[in-house]
Structure formats: structure tokens, C-alpha cells
């Protein structure tokens, strides 16, 4: 399920969706906030251009919205149901959770979005086993 060649692997690792040999990001640490969106132009292994068209990653905002709604609902349920917090405390928990997870959700949404359009190609991976 998480092996090389699966979309899950590419999404969770932020690797090139075509060959999965290198990270799409110039700085792999999402906690470096000034560099969280800096991406390589192309994959050095297979040559895939990450910015498929101008403003390509604007579509990732829709994915980010969905992920943030899911995270917010989960934070509310955990806070309100399991910790029996008040409504005000639950909403504060949502805000804190969204702020803390912001860089991770941002990158995850980009990873999901590009993987919707680009699939793994074993021929593009020089390290893949030849059958």
C-alpha cells in the first residue's frame, strides 16, 4: 500500500509523482515556513515539470479547503466529545489545530492535487526493476 509506485507513497512523501525518486520541494522540511512552497522546477530523474501549466497549484486550494474542514471537524469532535470542553474551548481547539497543521496541510494538498493528474510510470524510473 505504501510501496513505491503507489499514489499514497507519493502523496505522503512529497516525491515526484511520475518516478518517485526525489522530493518535489526545494526544502523537505515543511516547518521552514519561508520555504514551504518553494518547489523544484523539474524532477532531475525523469524531467517532469511540476508546474504543469501557469497557476496549476491554484486548484490545490480546493483540496486544502476540504482537508482543513476535515481537520477542523476532527478537532471539534475530539475536544467536545472526548475532552468534554465547552463550545468556546472547542472552537479555540479548532483554531489552534489549524494554525499548527497549516504547513503540513498546505503541502499535503499540493501533493494530492498533482497526483490527481500525474501517475507513476515505471519506465520513467531508472531504478525500477526491468521485467
Protein backbone atom coordinates (compact mmCIF):
# COMPACT_ATOMS: atom_id res chain seq x y z
CA UNK A 1 0.00 0.00 0.00
CA UNK A 2 2.84 2.43 0.84
CA UNK A 3 5.36 0.90 -1.53
CA UNK A 4 7.00 2.80 -4.34
CA UNK A 5 4.68 3.19 -7.28
CA UNK A 6 1.56 3.89 -5.22
CA UNK A 7 -0.12 7.27 -5.09
CA UNK A 8 -0.17 7.09 -1.28
CA UNK A 9 3.63 6.87 -1.24
CA UNK A 10 3.99 9.92 -3.47
CA UNK A 11 1.38 11.91 -1.51
CA UNK A 12 2.83 11.19 1.92
CA UNK A 13 6.48 11.64 0.96
CA UNK A 14 6.04 14.58 -1.43
CA UNK A 15 8.08 12.78 -4.06
CA UNK A 16 7.79 13.16 -7.81
CA UNK A 17 4.51 11.50 -8.82
CA UNK A 18 5.98 10.14 -12.05
CA UNK A 19 9.19 8.42 -10.85
CA UNK A 20 9.04 8.88 -7.05
CA UNK A 21 12.81 9.27 -6.80
CA UNK A 22 13.14 12.75 -5.34
CA UNK A 23 11.21 15.33 -3.39
CA UNK A 24 9.28 17.96 -5.33
CA UNK A 25 10.23 20.57 -2.75
CA UNK A 26 13.49 22.51 -2.53
CA UNK A 27 13.40 22.21 1.26
CA UNK A 28 11.89 18.97 2.51
CA UNK A 29 11.08 20.34 5.98
CA UNK A 30 7.59 21.93 5.95
CA UNK A 31 8.36 23.73 9.21
CA UNK A 32 10.69 26.13 7.41
CA UNK A 33 7.77 28.47 6.77
CA UNK A 34 9.56 30.83 4.40
CA UNK A 35 10.36 27.91 2.08
CA UNK A 36 7.20 25.81 2.49
CA UNK A 37 6.02 26.46 -1.09
CA UNK A 38 9.41 26.50 -2.85
CA UNK A 39 9.39 23.69 -5.37
CA UNK A 40 11.96 22.41 -7.82
CA UNK A 41 11.21 23.32 -11.44
CA UNK A 42 11.63 19.77 -12.78
CA UNK A 43 12.41 16.31 -11.49
CA UNK A 44 16.12 15.64 -12.01
CA UNK A 45 15.42 11.93 -12.65
CA UNK A 46 12.50 11.86 -15.09
CA UNK A 47 12.28 15.53 -16.13
CA UNK A 48 8.63 16.02 -15.08
CA UNK A 49 7.76 19.71 -14.94
CA UNK A 50 5.91 20.21 -11.65
CA UNK A 51 4.20 23.46 -12.66
CA UNK A 52 2.24 21.71 -15.42
CA UNK A 53 0.62 24.97 -16.53
CA UNK A 54 0.63 28.55 -15.22
CA UNK A 55 -1.12 28.80 -11.86
CA UNK A 56 -1.50 24.99 -11.76
CA UNK A 57 -1.44 24.75 -7.98
CA UNK A 58 -4.32 27.21 -7.51
CA UNK A 59 -6.52 24.13 -7.79
CA UNK A 60 -4.83 22.76 -4.67
CA UNK A 61 -6.71 25.42 -2.70
CA UNK A 62 -9.89 23.35 -3.13
CA UNK A 63 -8.12 20.27 -1.80
CA UNK A 64 -6.72 22.35 1.07
CA UNK A 65 -10.20 23.60 1.92
CA UNK A 66 -11.51 20.03 2.16
CA UNK A 67 -8.57 18.91 4.28
CA UNK A 68 -8.96 21.88 6.63
CA UNK A 69 -12.68 21.19 7.06
CA UNK A 70 -11.90 17.56 7.91
CA UNK A 71 -9.18 18.60 10.38
CA UNK A 72 -11.50 21.18 11.96
CA UNK A 73 -14.32 18.67 12.38
CA UNK A 74 -11.92 16.12 13.87
CA UNK A 75 -10.52 18.71 16.30
CA UNK A 76 -14.04 19.70 17.34
CA UNK A 77 -15.12 16.10 17.93
CA UNK A 78 -12.01 15.26 19.92
CA UNK A 79 -12.29 18.42 22.01
CA UNK A 80 -16.06 18.49 22.55
CA UNK A 81 -16.87 14.79 22.81
CA UNK A 82 -13.78 13.19 24.28
CA UNK A 83 -12.46 16.04 26.47
CA UNK A 84 -15.95 17.43 27.22
CA UNK A 85 -14.84 21.01 26.53
CA UNK A 86 -17.20 23.93 26.19
CA UNK A 87 -18.14 25.23 22.75
CA UNK A 88 -15.72 28.15 23.15
CA UNK A 89 -12.87 25.85 24.13
CA UNK A 90 -13.71 23.53 21.23
CA UNK A 91 -13.55 26.38 18.72
CA UNK A 92 -10.27 27.51 20.23
CA UNK A 93 -9.00 23.94 19.78
CA UNK A 94 -10.03 24.09 16.11
CA UNK A 95 -8.16 27.36 15.55
CA UNK A 96 -5.02 26.14 17.30
CA UNK A 97 -5.09 22.84 15.41
CA UNK A 98 -5.50 24.56 12.04
CA UNK A 99 -2.67 27.02 12.75
CA UNK A 100 -0.29 24.28 13.92
CA UNK A 101 -1.08 21.95 11.00
CA UNK A 102 -1.11 24.70 8.35
CA UNK A 103 2.25 23.88 6.67
CA UNK A 104 1.50 20.15 6.62
CA UNK A 105 -1.98 20.62 5.12
CA UNK A 106 -0.57 23.07 2.57
CA UNK A 107 1.99 20.59 1.29
CA UNK A 108 -0.37 17.63 1.52
CA UNK A 109 -2.94 19.44 -0.60
CA UNK A 110 -0.33 20.14 -3.29
CA UNK A 111 0.80 16.52 -3.20
CA UNK A 112 -2.77 15.26 -3.57
CA UNK A 113 -3.55 17.72 -6.36
CA UNK A 114 -0.56 16.87 -8.58
CA UNK A 115 -1.17 13.16 -8.02
CA UNK A 116 -4.67 13.59 -9.42
CA UNK A 117 -3.12 14.44 -12.80
CA UNK A 118 0.20 12.57 -12.93
CA UNK A 119 0.57 8.81 -12.45
CA UNK A 120 3.59 6.67 -11.64
CA UNK A 121 5.47 5.47 -14.70
CA UNK A 122 7.91 2.61 -14.11
CA UNK A 123 9.62 3.44 -17.42
CA UNK A 124 10.47 6.91 -16.09
CA UNK A 125 12.10 5.37 -13.01
CA UNK A 126 15.67 4.33 -13.85
CA UNK A 127 15.85 2.34 -10.61
CA UNK A 128 12.73 0.25 -11.31
CA UNK A 129 13.18 -3.43 -11.88
CA UNK A 130 13.07 -4.37 -15.53
CA UNK A 131 10.73 -7.26 -16.21
